[in-house]
Protein backbone atom coordinates (compact mmCIF):
# COMPACT_ATOMS: atom_id res chain seq x y z
CA MET A 1 90.23 106.11 92.46
CA ALA A 2 92.64 107.36 95.33
CA LYS A 3 96.13 105.87 94.66
CA GLN A 4 97.49 103.51 97.70
CA GLU A 5 100.19 104.84 99.83
CA LYS A 6 103.04 102.59 99.78
CA PHE A 7 104.24 100.75 103.01
CA GLU A 8 107.37 103.04 102.71
CA ASP A 9 105.55 106.30 102.23
CA LYS A 10 103.26 105.81 105.48
CA ILE A 11 106.58 104.99 107.37
CA ALA A 12 107.94 108.34 106.63
CA SER A 13 104.82 109.79 107.28
CA LEU A 14 104.65 108.64 110.43
CA GLU A 15 108.80 109.68 111.32
CA LYS A 16 107.33 113.01 109.98
CA ILE A 17 104.47 113.17 112.53
CA ILE A 18 106.18 111.35 115.24
CA ASN A 19 109.06 114.34 115.35
CA ASP A 20 106.26 116.82 114.92
CA LEU A 21 104.98 116.32 117.85
CA GLU A 22 108.16 115.76 119.78
CA ASN A 23 109.06 119.23 118.60
CA GLY A 24 105.97 120.70 120.83
CA ASN A 25 105.25 123.10 118.62
CA SER A 26 102.16 122.41 117.85
CA SER A 27 98.49 123.05 119.69
CA LEU A 28 96.55 120.36 121.95
CA ASP A 29 94.16 120.56 118.66
CA GLU A 30 96.84 119.82 116.52
CA SER A 31 98.44 117.53 118.54
CA ILE A 32 95.41 115.37 119.04
CA ASP A 33 95.02 115.66 114.92
CA LYS A 34 98.57 114.60 114.45
CA TYR A 35 98.21 111.53 117.01
CA ARG A 36 94.76 110.48 115.86
CA GLU A 37 96.38 110.27 112.11
CA ALA A 38 99.71 108.72 113.45
CA MET A 39 97.31 105.83 114.73
CA LYS A 40 95.99 105.44 111.70
CA LEU A 41 98.75 105.05 109.88
CA VAL A 42 100.16 102.54 112.64
CA LYS A 43 96.96 100.53 111.88
CA GLU A 44 97.76 100.37 107.87
CA CYS A 45 101.21 99.62 108.29
CA ASP A 46 100.28 96.51 111.30
CA GLU A 47 97.75 95.04 108.63
CA LYS A 48 100.14 95.60 106.09
CA LEU A 49 103.18 93.33 107.59
CA LYS A 50 100.75 90.67 108.86
CA LYS A 51 99.71 90.65 104.83
CA VAL A 52 102.73 90.42 103.71
CA GLU A 53 103.18 87.89 106.86
CA GLU A 54 101.32 85.58 106.04
CA GLU A 55 102.37 85.35 102.29
CA VAL A 56 105.70 84.57 103.80
CA THR A 57 104.32 81.73 105.98
CA LYS A 58 102.38 80.50 102.51
CA LEU A 59 105.67 80.59 100.57
CA VAL A 60 107.53 78.88 102.74
CA THR A 61 105.10 76.29 103.22
CA GLU A 62 104.61 75.85 99.55
CA ASP A 63 108.71 75.66 99.05
CA ASP A 64 108.67 72.97 101.92
CA ASN A 65 106.01 70.49 100.19
CA LEU A 66 108.60 70.95 96.95
CA GLU A 67 110.74 67.97 96.20
CA ASP A 68 114.90 69.00 97.27
CA PHE A 69 115.60 71.36 95.28
CA LYS A 70 119.47 71.58 94.57
CA VAL A 71 121.38 74.06 92.84
CA GLU A 72 124.48 72.56 90.79
CA GLU A 73 127.99 73.94 91.66
């Protein structure tokens, strides 16, 4: 089973690809391959962010349904 890459690692990989593409030192075929990889990473990161947003929304909604919780000072 392949180890899943962390979100932060995917962002770092995406930044590296962007820098490589901006340098313009790659051939056309290499640039296309890098672009495809970048788009794959963007999709994966977007999906992860959407899942996290759903989790946070669920937590906030559940929290709103709890009785008022106050910290004593």
